[in-house]
Amino acid sequence: TRLEVARTVPSLDEAQRREVLELLARCQVAEGRRADAAATFTA
């Protein structure tokens, strides 16, 4: 929930955006949301 908000903040720099998406995908896998995680890794 927090990461979905974090990824919409325009002030994210490249390193923060990378961390947000990687952590989001990892959490989605942990929750069994493989399709969502694949879409996040694709982005």
All heavy atoms as atom14 arrays in JSON, in Angstrom:
{
  "sequence": "TRLEVARTVPSLDEAQRREVLELLARCQVAEGRRADAAATFTA",
  "atom14_mask": [
    [1, 1, 1, 1, 1, 1, 1, 0, 0, 0, 0, 0, 0, 0],
    [1, 1, 1, 1, 1, 1, 1, 1, 1, 1, 1, 0, 0, 0],
    [1, 1, 1, 1, 1, 1, 1, 1, 0, 0, 0, 0, 0, 0],
    [1, 1, 1, 1, 1, 1, 1, 1, 1, 0, 0, 0, 0, 0],
    [1, 1, 1, 1, 1, 1, 1, 0, 0, 0, 0, 0, 0, 0],
    [1, 1, 1, 1, 1, 0, 0, 0, 0, 0, 0, 0, 0, 0],
    [1, 1, 1, 1, 1, 1, 1, 1, 1, 1, 1, 0, 0, 0],
    [1, 1, 1, 1, 1, 1, 1, 0, 0, 0, 0, 0, 0, 0],
    [1, 1, 1, 1, 1, 1, 1, 0, 0, 0, 0, 0, 0, 0],
    [1, 1, 1, 1, 1, 1, 1, 0, 0, 0, 0, 0, 0, 0],
    [1, 1, 1, 1, 1, 1, 0, 0, 0, 0, 0, 0, 0, 0],
    [1, 1, 1, 1, 1, 1, 1, 1, 0, 0, 0, 0, 0, 0],
    [1, 1, 1, 1, 1, 1, 1, 1, 0, 0, 0, 0, 0, 0],
    [1, 1, 1, 1, 1, 1, 1, 1, 1, 0, 0, 0, 0, 0],
    [1, 1, 1, 1, 1, 0, 0, 0, 0, 0, 0, 0, 0, 0],
    [1, 1, 1, 1, 1, 1, 1, 1, 1, 0, 0, 0, 0, 0],
    [1, 1, 1, 1, 1, 1, 1, 1, 1, 1, 1, 0, 0, 0],
    [1, 1, 1, 1, 1, 1, 1, 1, 1, 1, 1, 0, 0, 0],
    [1, 1, 1, 1, 1, 1, 1, 1, 1, 0, 0, 0, 0, 0],
    [1, 1, 1, 1, 1, 1, 1, 0, 0, 0, 0, 0, 0, 0],
    [1, 1, 1, 1, 1, 1, 1, 1, 0, 0, 0, 0, 0, 0],
    [1, 1, 1, 1, 1, 1, 1, 1, 1, 0, 0, 0, 0, 0],
    [1, 1, 1, 1, 1, 1, 1, 1, 0, 0, 0, 0, 0, 0],
    [1, 1, 1, 1, 1, 1, 1, 1, 0, 0, 0, 0, 0, 0],
    [1, 1, 1, 1, 1, 0, 0, 0, 0, 0, 0, 0, 0, 0],
    [1, 1, 1, 1, 1, 1, 1, 1, 1, 1, 1, 0, 0, 0],
    [1, 1, 1, 1, 1, 1, 0, 0, 0, 0, 0, 0, 0, 0],
    [1, 1, 1, 1, 1, 1, 1, 1, 1, 0, 0, 0, 0, 0],
    [1, 1, 1, 1, 1, 1, 1, 0, 0, 0, 0, 0, 0, 0],
    [1, 1, 1, 1, 1, 0, 0, 0, 0, 0, 0, 0, 0, 0],
    [1, 1, 1, 1, 1, 1, 1, 1, 1, 0, 0, 0, 0, 0],
    [1, 1, 1, 1, 0, 0, 0, 0, 0, 0, 0, 0, 0, 0],
    [1, 1, 1, 1, 1, 1, 1, 1, 1, 1, 1, 0, 0, 0],
    [1, 1, 1, 1, 1, 1, 1, 1, 1, 1, 1, 0, 0, 0],
    [1, 1, 1, 1, 1, 0, 0, 0, 0, 0, 0, 0, 0, 0],
    [1, 1, 1, 1, 1, 1, 1, 1, 0, 0, 0, 0, 0, 0],
    [1, 1, 1, 1, 1, 0, 0, 0, 0, 0, 0, 0, 0, 0],
    [1, 1, 1, 1, 1, 0, 0, 0, 0, 0, 0, 0, 0, 0],
    [1, 1, 1, 1, 1, 0, 0, 0, 0, 0, 0, 0, 0, 0],
    [1, 1, 1, 1, 1, 1, 1, 0, 0, 0, 0, 0, 0, 0],
    [1, 1, 1, 1, 1, 1, 1, 1, 1, 1, 1, 0, 0, 0],
    [1, 1, 1, 1, 1, 1, 1, 0, 0, 0, 0, 0, 0, 0],
    [1, 1, 1, 1, 1, 0, 0, 0, 0, 0, 0, 0, 0, 0]
  ],
  "atom14_positions": [
    [[0.83, -1.21, 0.0], [0.0, 0.0, 0.0], [0.86, 1.26, 0.0], [0.61, 2.21, -0.75], [-0.93, 0.0, 1.23], [-1.77, -1.16, 1.18], [-1.81, 1.25, 1.24], [0.0, 0.0, 0.0], [0.0, 0.0, 0.0], [0.0, 0.0, 0.0], [0.0, 0.0, 0.0], [0.0, 0.0, 0.0], [0.0, 0.0, 0.0], [0.0, 0.0, 0.0]],
    [[1.9, 1.28, 0.85], [2.78, 2.44, 0.92], [3.57, 2.62, -0.38], [3.75, 3.72, -0.88], [3.76, 2.33, 2.09], [3.15, 2.11, 3.45], [2.17, 3.19, 3.87], [1.84, 3.1, 5.28], [0.98, 2.25, 5.8], [0.33, 1.37, 5.02], [0.73, 2.24, 7.09], [0.0, 0.0, 0.0], [0.0, 0.0, 0.0], [0.0, 0.0, 0.0]],
    [[4.03, 1.52, -0.94], [4.85, 1.59, -2.14], [4.05, 2.03, -3.36], [4.59, 2.71, -4.25], [5.5, 0.23, -2.41], [6.58, -0.18, -1.4], [6.9, -1.67, -1.52], [7.84, 0.65, -1.62], [0.0, 0.0, 0.0], [0.0, 0.0, 0.0], [0.0, 0.0, 0.0], [0.0, 0.0, 0.0], [0.0, 0.0, 0.0], [0.0, 0.0, 0.0]],
    [[2.78, 1.66, -3.43], [1.94, 2.11, -4.53], [1.81, 3.64, -4.51], [1.72, 4.28, -5.56], [0.55, 1.45, -4.46], [0.55, -0.04, -4.75], [0.77, -0.36, -6.22], [1.05, 0.56, -7.01], [0.68, -1.55, -6.58], [0.0, 0.0, 0.0], [0.0, 0.0, 0.0], [0.0, 0.0, 0.0], [0.0, 0.0, 0.0], [0.0, 0.0, 0.0]],
    [[1.78, 4.21, -3.31], [1.76, 5.67, -3.2], [3.14, 6.23, -3.51], [3.28, 7.22, -4.24], [1.31, 6.12, -1.79], [1.36, 7.64, -1.67], [-0.09, 5.6, -1.49], [0.0, 0.0, 0.0], [0.0, 0.0, 0.0], [0.0, 0.0, 0.0], [0.0, 0.0, 0.0], [0.0, 0.0, 0.0], [0.0, 0.0, 0.0], [0.0, 0.0, 0.0]],
    [[4.18, 5.6, -2.99], [5.55, 6.1, -3.16], [5.93, 6.2, -4.64], [6.61, 7.14, -5.04], [6.53, 5.19, -2.43], [0.0, 0.0, 0.0], [0.0, 0.0, 0.0], [0.0, 0.0, 0.0], [0.0, 0.0, 0.0], [0.0, 0.0, 0.0], [0.0, 0.0, 0.0], [0.0, 0.0, 0.0], [0.0, 0.0, 0.0], [0.0, 0.0, 0.0]],
    [[5.48, 5.26, -5.46], [5.89, 5.26, -6.87], [5.23, 6.39, -7.67], [5.66, 6.7, -8.78], [5.58, 3.91, -7.51], [4.11, 3.63, -7.76], [3.85, 2.24, -8.29], [4.44, 2.04, -9.61], [4.24, 0.95, -10.36], [3.5, -0.05, -9.9], [4.79, 0.84, -11.55], [0.0, 0.0, 0.0], [0.0, 0.0, 0.0], [0.0, 0.0, 0.0]],
    [[4.19, 7.03, -7.11], [3.51, 8.14, -7.82], [4.12, 9.49, -7.5], [3.71, 10.49, -8.1], [2.01, 8.17, -7.46], [1.86, 8.51, -6.07], [1.35, 6.83, -7.72], [0.0, 0.0, 0.0], [0.0, 0.0, 0.0], [0.0, 0.0, 0.0], [0.0, 0.0, 0.0], [0.0, 0.0, 0.0], [0.0, 0.0, 0.0], [0.0, 0.0, 0.0]],
    [[5.06, 9.56, -6.56], [5.64, 10.85, -6.16], [6.63, 11.3, -7.24], [7.62, 10.62, -7.51], [6.34, 10.72, -4.8], [7.05, 12.03, -4.44], [5.33, 10.36, -3.73], [0.0, 0.0, 0.0], [0.0, 0.0, 0.0], [0.0, 0.0, 0.0], [0.0, 0.0, 0.0], [0.0, 0.0, 0.0], [0.0, 0.0, 0.0], [0.0, 0.0, 0.0]],
    [[6.39, 12.45, -7.89], [7.26, 12.87, -8.99], [8.7, 13.18, -8.59], [9.57, 13.2, -9.44], [6.57, 14.14, -9.52], [5.16, 14.05, -9.05], [5.22, 13.33, -7.74], [0.0, 0.0, 0.0], [0.0, 0.0, 0.0], [0.0, 0.0, 0.0], [0.0, 0.0, 0.0], [0.0, 0.0, 0.0], [0.0, 0.0, 0.0], [0.0, 0.0, 0.0]],
    [[8.94, 13.42, -7.29], [10.29, 13.79, -6.88], [11.22, 12.59, -6.72], [12.38, 12.76, -6.35], [10.24, 14.56, -5.55], [9.73, 13.74, -4.51], [0.0, 0.0, 0.0], [0.0, 0.0, 0.0], [0.0, 0.0, 0.0], [0.0, 0.0, 0.0], [0.0, 0.0, 0.0], [0.0, 0.0, 0.0], [0.0, 0.0, 0.0], [0.0, 0.0, 0.0]],
    [[10.74, 11.38, -7.0], [11.61, 10.22, -6.92], [12.78, 10.37, -7.88], [12.59, 10.68, -9.06], [10.84, 8.94, -7.3], [9.88, 8.33, -6.28], [9.24, 7.1, -6.89], [10.58, 7.98, -4.98], [0.0, 0.0, 0.0], [0.0, 0.0, 0.0], [0.0, 0.0, 0.0], [0.0, 0.0, 0.0], [0.0, 0.0, 0.0], [0.0, 0.0, 0.0]],
    [[13.99, 10.15, -7.37], [15.12, 10.11, -8.29], [15.26, 8.68, -8.83], [14.49, 7.78, -8.48], [16.41, 10.59, -7.62], [16.83, 9.75, -6.43], [16.41, 8.57, -6.34], [17.56, 10.27, -5.57], [0.0, 0.0, 0.0], [0.0, 0.0, 0.0], [0.0, 0.0, 0.0], [0.0, 0.0, 0.0], [0.0, 0.0, 0.0], [0.0, 0.0, 0.0]],
    [[16.24, 8.48, -9.69], [16.37, 7.18, -10.36], [16.6, 6.05, -9.36], [16.0, 4.97, -9.48], [17.54, 7.25, -11.36], [17.73, 5.98, -12.18], [18.84, 6.12, -13.2], [19.08, 7.25, -13.67], [19.47, 5.1, -13.53], [0.0, 0.0, 0.0], [0.0, 0.0, 0.0], [0.0, 0.0, 0.0], [0.0, 0.0, 0.0], [0.0, 0.0, 0.0]],
    [[17.46, 6.29, -8.38], [17.76, 5.24, -7.41], [16.54, 4.92, -6.55], [16.27, 3.74, -6.26], [18.93, 5.67, -6.53], [0.0, 0.0, 0.0], [0.0, 0.0, 0.0], [0.0, 0.0, 0.0], [0.0, 0.0, 0.0], [0.0, 0.0, 0.0], [0.0, 0.0, 0.0], [0.0, 0.0, 0.0], [0.0, 0.0, 0.0], [0.0, 0.0, 0.0]],
    [[15.79, 5.94, -6.13], [14.59, 5.7, -5.33], [13.53, 4.96, -6.13], [12.87, 4.05, -5.63], [14.04, 7.03, -4.82], [14.87, 7.67, -3.73], [14.31, 9.01, -3.31], [13.66, 9.7, -4.09], [14.57, 9.4, -2.08], [0.0, 0.0, 0.0], [0.0, 0.0, 0.0], [0.0, 0.0, 0.0], [0.0, 0.0, 0.0], [0.0, 0.0, 0.0]],
    [[13.37, 5.36, -7.39], [12.37, 4.68, -8.23], [12.72, 3.21, -8.39], [11.86, 2.33, -8.32], [12.29, 5.36, -9.59], [11.21, 4.75, -10.5], [11.17, 5.45, -11.86], [10.08, 4.94, -12.67], [10.13, 3.81, -13.37], [11.22, 3.06, -13.34], [9.09, 3.41, -14.07], [0.0, 0.0, 0.0], [0.0, 0.0, 0.0], [0.0, 0.0, 0.0]],
    [[14.02, 2.93, -8.59], [14.46, 1.54, -8.71], [14.15, 0.77, -7.44], [13.63, -0.36, -7.48], [15.96, 1.51, -8.99], [16.52, 0.11, -9.2], [18.05, 0.12, -9.25], [18.55, 1.09, -10.2], [19.31, 2.14, -9.87], [19.65, 2.35, -8.6], [19.74, 2.97, -10.79], [0.0, 0.0, 0.0], [0.0, 0.0, 0.0], [0.0, 0.0, 0.0]],
    [[14.43, 1.37, -6.29], [14.19, 0.68, -5.02], [12.71, 0.45, -4.78], [12.3, -0.62, -4.32], [14.78, 1.47, -3.86], [14.61, 0.77, -2.52], [15.14, 1.56, -1.33], [15.68, 2.66, -1.54], [14.98, 1.08, -0.19], [0.0, 0.0, 0.0], [0.0, 0.0, 0.0], [0.0, 0.0, 0.0], [0.0, 0.0, 0.0], [0.0, 0.0, 0.0]],
    [[11.89, 1.46, -5.1], [10.44, 1.32, -4.91], [9.91, 0.15, -5.73], [9.17, -0.71, -5.23], [9.71, 2.62, -5.3], [8.21, 2.38, -5.44], [9.96, 3.71, -4.26], [0.0, 0.0, 0.0], [0.0, 0.0, 0.0], [0.0, 0.0, 0.0], [0.0, 0.0, 0.0], [0.0, 0.0, 0.0], [0.0, 0.0, 0.0], [0.0, 0.0, 0.0]],
    [[10.28, 0.09, -7.01], [9.75, -0.96, -7.87], [10.28, -2.34, -7.47], [9.54, -3.33, -7.48], [10.09, -0.66, -9.33], [9.37, 0.55, -9.93], [9.85, 0.8, -11.36], [7.86, 0.36, -9.92], [0.0, 0.0, 0.0], [0.0, 0.0, 0.0], [0.0, 0.0, 0.0], [0.0, 0.0, 0.0], [0.0, 0.0, 0.0], [0.0, 0.0, 0.0]],
    [[11.57, -2.41, -7.14], [12.12, -3.71, -6.74], [11.46, -4.21, -5.45], [11.05, -5.38, -5.36], [13.63, -3.62, -6.54], [14.24, -4.96, -6.15], [15.74, -4.9, -5.9], [16.34, -3.84, -6.15], [16.29, -5.91, -5.43], [0.0, 0.0, 0.0], [0.0, 0.0, 0.0], [0.0, 0.0, 0.0], [0.0, 0.0, 0.0], [0.0, 0.0, 0.0]],
    [[11.34, -3.33, -4.45], [10.73, -3.74, -3.19], [9.25, -4.09, -3.38], [8.74, -5.05, -2.79], [10.88, -2.63, -2.15], [10.36, -2.92, -0.74], [11.0, -4.18, -0.18], [10.6, -1.73, 0.18], [0.0, 0.0, 0.0], [0.0, 0.0, 0.0], [0.0, 0.0, 0.0], [0.0, 0.0, 0.0], [0.0, 0.0, 0.0], [0.0, 0.0, 0.0]],
    [[8.57, -3.31, -4.23], [7.17, -3.6, -4.5], [7.01, -4.98, -5.12], [6.14, -5.77, -4.71], [6.59, -2.53, -5.42], [5.14, -2.72, -5.89], [4.2, -2.8, -4.7], [4.74, -1.58, -6.83], [0.0, 0.0, 0.0], [0.0, 0.0, 0.0], [0.0, 0.0, 0.0], [0.0, 0.0, 0.0], [0.0, 0.0, 0.0], [0.0, 0.0, 0.0]],
    [[7.84, -5.31, -6.11], [7.75, -6.62, -6.75], [8.04, -7.74, -5.76], [7.37, -8.78, -5.75], [8.71, -6.69, -7.94], [0.0, 0.0, 0.0], [0.0, 0.0, 0.0], [0.0, 0.0, 0.0], [0.0, 0.0, 0.0], [0.0, 0.0, 0.0], [0.0, 0.0, 0.0], [0.0, 0.0, 0.0], [0.0, 0.0, 0.0], [0.0, 0.0, 0.0]],
    [[9.04, -7.55, -4.91], [9.37, -8.56, -3.9], [8.19, -8.8, -2.96], [7.87, -9.95, -2.62], [10.61, -8.13, -3.12], [11.92, -8.22, -3.9], [13.08, -7.65, -3.1], [14.34, -7.76, -3.8], [15.17, -8.8, -3.73], [14.85, -9.83, -2.95], [16.3, -8.83, -4.4], [0.0, 0.0, 0.0], [0.0, 0.0, 0.0], [0.0, 0.0, 0.0]],
    [[7.56, -7.7, -2.51], [6.42, -7.83, -1.61], [5.23, -8.5, -2.32], [4.5, -9.3, -1.71], [6.0, -6.46, -1.08], [7.19, -5.72, 0.06], [0.0, 0.0, 0.0], [0.0, 0.0, 0.0], [0.0, 0.0, 0.0], [0.0, 0.0, 0.0], [0.0, 0.0, 0.0], [0.0, 0.0, 0.0], [0.0, 0.0, 0.0], [0.0, 0.0, 0.0]],
    [[5.04, -8.19, -3.59], [3.94, -8.8, -4.33], [4.16, -10.31, -4.49], [3.21, -11.09, -4.38], [3.81, -8.12, -5.7], [3.23, -6.72, -5.61], [3.36, -5.93, -6.9], [4.29, -6.17, -7.69], [2.46, -4.98, -7.12], [0.0, 0.0, 0.0], [0.0, 0.0, 0.0], [0.0, 0.0, 0.0], [0.0, 0.0, 0.0], [0.0, 0.0, 0.0]],
    [[5.4, -10.73, -4.71], [5.69, -12.17, -4.77], [5.39, -12.8, -3.41], [4.79, -13.88, -3.33], [7.15, -12.41, -5.18], [7.49, -13.9, -5.04], [7.4, -11.96, -6.61], [0.0, 0.0, 0.0], [0.0, 0.0, 0.0], [0.0, 0.0, 0.0], [0.0, 0.0, 0.0], [0.0, 0.0, 0.0], [0.0, 0.0, 0.0], [0.0, 0.0, 0.0]],
    [[5.81, -12.14, -2.34], [5.58, -12.68, -0.99], [4.1, -12.84, -0.68], [3.71, -13.74, 0.06], [6.23, -11.76, 0.06], [0.0, 0.0, 0.0], [0.0, 0.0, 0.0], [0.0, 0.0, 0.0], [0.0, 0.0, 0.0], [0.0, 0.0, 0.0], [0.0, 0.0, 0.0], [0.0, 0.0, 0.0], [0.0, 0.0, 0.0], [0.0, 0.0, 0.0]],
    [[3.26, -11.97, -1.29], [1.81, -12.05, -1.09], [1.13, -12.98, -2.1], [-0.09, -13.08, -2.12], [1.2, -10.65, -1.19], [1.46, -9.76, 0.01], [0.69, -10.22, 1.23], [-0.55, -10.2, 1.21], [1.34, -10.66, 2.21], [0.0, 0.0, 0.0], [0.0, 0.0, 0.0], [0.0, 0.0, 0.0], [0.0, 0.0, 0.0], [0.0, 0.0, 0.0]],
    [[1.92, -13.63, -2.95], [1.36, -14.53, -3.95], [0.78, -13.84, -5.16], [0.08, -14.48, -5.96], [0.0, 0.0, 0.0], [0.0, 0.0, 0.0], [0.0, 0.0, 0.0], [0.0, 0.0, 0.0], [0.0, 0.0, 0.0], [0.0, 0.0, 0.0], [0.0, 0.0, 0.0], [0.0, 0.0, 0.0], [0.0, 0.0, 0.0], [0.0, 0.0, 0.0]],
    [[1.1, -12.57, -5.35], [0.57, -11.81, -6.49], [1.59, -11.81, -7.63], [2.2, -10.81, -7.96], [0.23, -10.39, -6.04], [-0.88, -10.33, -5.0], [-1.0, -8.99, -4.32], [-1.13, -7.87, -5.23], [-1.29, -6.6, -4.87], [-1.35, -6.3, -3.57], [-1.38, -5.64, -5.75], [0.0, 0.0, 0.0], [0.0, 0.0, 0.0], [0.0, 0.0, 0.0]],
    [[1.77, -12.98, -8.24], [2.81, -13.15, -9.26], [2.59, -12.26, -10.48], [3.54, -11.69, -11.02], [2.89, -14.62, -9.68], [3.5, -15.54, -8.64], [3.46, -16.98, -9.14], [4.21, -17.14, -10.4], [5.47, -17.57, -10.45], [6.13, -17.87, -9.34], [6.08, -17.7, -11.61], [0.0, 0.0, 0.0], [0.0, 0.0, 0.0], [0.0, 0.0, 0.0]],
    [[1.35, -12.16, -10.94], [1.08, -11.34, -12.13], [1.41, -9.87, -11.87], [2.0, -9.19, -12.72], [-0.37, -11.5, -12.56], [0.0, 0.0, 0.0], [0.0, 0.0, 0.0], [0.0, 0.0, 0.0], [0.0, 0.0, 0.0], [0.0, 0.0, 0.0], [0.0, 0.0, 0.0], [0.0, 0.0, 0.0], [0.0, 0.0, 0.0], [0.0, 0.0, 0.0]],
    [[1.03, -9.38, -10.69], [1.35, -8.0, -10.34], [2.85, -7.81, -10.23], [3.4, -6.78, -10.65], [0.68, -7.61, -9.02], [-0.83, -7.51, -9.14], [-1.32, -7.32, -10.27], [-1.52, -7.63, -8.11], [0.0, 0.0, 0.0], [0.0, 0.0, 0.0], [0.0, 0.0, 0.0], [0.0, 0.0, 0.0], [0.0, 0.0, 0.0], [0.0, 0.0, 0.0]],
    [[3.54, -8.77, -9.64], [5.0, -8.68, -9.51], [5.67, -8.67, -10.88], [6.63, -7.91, -11.11], [5.52, -9.84, -8.67], [0.0, 0.0, 0.0], [0.0, 0.0, 0.0], [0.0, 0.0, 0.0], [0.0, 0.0, 0.0], [0.0, 0.0, 0.0], [0.0, 0.0, 0.0], [0.0, 0.0, 0.0], [0.0, 0.0, 0.0], [0.0, 0.0, 0.0]],
    [[5.18, -9.5, -11.8], [5.74, -9.53, -13.15], [5.55, -8.17, -13.84], [6.46, -7.68, -14.52], [5.09, -10.64, -13.96], [0.0, 0.0, 0.0], [0.0, 0.0, 0.0], [0.0, 0.0, 0.0], [0.0, 0.0, 0.0], [0.0, 0.0, 0.0], [0.0, 0.0, 0.0], [0.0, 0.0, 0.0], [0.0, 0.0, 0.0], [0.0, 0.0, 0.0]],
    [[4.38, -7.55, -13.65], [4.12, -6.24, -14.25], [5.05, -5.18, -13.64], [5.53, -4.29, -14.35], [2.66, -5.85, -14.04], [0.0, 0.0, 0.0], [0.0, 0.0, 0.0], [0.0, 0.0, 0.0], [0.0, 0.0, 0.0], [0.0, 0.0, 0.0], [0.0, 0.0, 0.0], [0.0, 0.0, 0.0], [0.0, 0.0, 0.0], [0.0, 0.0, 0.0]],
    [[5.3, -5.28, -12.34], [6.2, -4.33, -11.68], [7.62, -4.5, -12.18], [8.32, -3.53, -12.47], [6.14, -4.5, -10.16], [4.79, -4.32, -9.72], [7.02, -3.48, -9.47], [0.0, 0.0, 0.0], [0.0, 0.0, 0.0], [0.0, 0.0, 0.0], [0.0, 0.0, 0.0], [0.0, 0.0, 0.0], [0.0, 0.0, 0.0], [0.0, 0.0, 0.0]],
    [[8.08, -5.75, -12.28], [9.43, -6.0, -12.81], [9.53, -5.53, -14.26], [10.57, -5.01, -14.69], [9.78, -7.48, -12.72], [10.34, -7.91, -11.4], [9.89, -9.08, -10.78], [11.33, -7.16, -10.77], [10.43, -9.48, -9.56], [11.86, -7.55, -9.54], [11.41, -8.71, -8.94], [0.0, 0.0, 0.0], [0.0, 0.0, 0.0], [0.0, 0.0, 0.0]],
    [[8.45, -5.68, -15.02], [8.45, -5.21, -16.41], [8.64, -3.7, -16.47], [9.42, -3.19, -17.28], [7.14, -5.61, -17.11], [7.05, -7.04, -17.15], [7.1, -5.07, -18.54], [0.0, 0.0, 0.0], [0.0, 0.0, 0.0], [0.0, 0.0, 0.0], [0.0, 0.0, 0.0], [0.0, 0.0, 0.0], [0.0, 0.0, 0.0], [0.0, 0.0, 0.0]],
    [[7.92, -2.97, -15.61], [8.08, -1.51, -15.56], [9.51, -1.13, -15.2], [10.08, -0.17, -15.76], [7.1, -0.92, -14.56], [0.0, 0.0, 0.0], [0.0, 0.0, 0.0], [0.0, 0.0, 0.0], [0.0, 0.0, 0.0], [0.0, 0.0, 0.0], [0.0, 0.0, 0.0], [0.0, 0.0, 0.0], [0.0, 0.0, 0.0], [0.0, 0.0, 0.0]]
  ]
}
